[in-house]
Protein backbone atom coordinates (compact mmCIF):
# COMPACT_ATOMS: atom_id res chain seq x y z
CA MET A 1 29.92 62.99 56.71
CA GLU A 2 29.07 64.32 60.15
CA THR A 3 27.04 62.14 62.48
CA SER A 4 24.32 63.72 64.59
CA MET A 5 24.19 63.11 68.32
CA LEU A 6 20.98 61.15 67.78
CA GLU A 7 22.63 58.78 65.31
CA TYR A 8 25.71 58.52 67.52
CA SER A 9 23.51 57.59 70.48
CA LYS A 10 21.73 54.92 68.43
CA THR A 11 25.08 53.45 67.40
CA ILE A 12 26.28 53.28 70.99
CA LEU A 13 23.02 51.69 72.15
CA GLU A 14 23.18 49.08 69.41
CA LYS A 15 26.72 48.18 70.46
CA VAL A 16 25.80 47.73 74.15
CA SER A 17 22.40 46.11 73.63
CA PHE A 18 23.79 42.73 74.77
CA ASP A 19 23.95 44.01 78.39
CA ALA A 20 20.75 45.46 79.89
CA GLN A 21 22.53 47.35 82.68
CA LEU A 22 25.04 48.94 80.30
CA PHE A 23 22.25 49.72 77.83
CA ARG A 24 20.29 51.54 80.54
CA LYS A 25 23.38 53.51 81.61
CA GLU A 26 24.11 54.62 78.03
CA LEU A 27 20.44 55.44 77.42
CA MET A 28 20.35 57.69 80.47
CA LYS A 29 23.51 59.49 79.29
CA ALA A 30 22.00 59.96 75.83
CA ILE A 31 18.75 61.33 77.26
CA LYS A 32 20.68 63.95 79.26
CA ARG A 33 22.78 64.90 76.24
CA LEU A 34 20.04 65.26 73.60
CA MET A 35 17.61 68.09 72.99
CA GLU A 36 13.87 67.37 73.43
CA PRO A 37 12.92 66.48 69.82
CA ASP A 38 15.90 64.11 69.49
CA ARG A 39 15.21 62.68 72.94
CA GLU A 40 11.68 61.76 71.90
CA ALA A 41 12.94 60.28 68.64
CA LEU A 42 15.51 58.17 70.51
CA LEU A 43 12.92 56.86 72.97
CA GLN A 44 10.56 55.94 70.11
CA TRP A 45 13.44 54.22 68.31
CA CYS A 46 14.30 52.23 71.45
CA LEU A 47 10.70 51.16 71.96
CA SER A 48 10.26 50.08 68.37
CA ARG A 49 13.59 48.27 68.20
CA TYR A 50 13.95 46.67 71.63
CA CYS A 51 10.45 46.33 73.11
CA TYR A 52 8.41 43.55 71.60
CA PRO A 53 4.67 43.41 72.40
């Protein structure tokens, strides 16, 4: 099964979520690499998973 860049980016972010600086670095790389619809989906995923109101 082939993994999309969006799913790959989510996997990487989950693996580095223990370190805020590394997470930010990987998030910025993912944002540059993804197309607009996937970029928006990734940002929404990050907000829902890692930002608690």
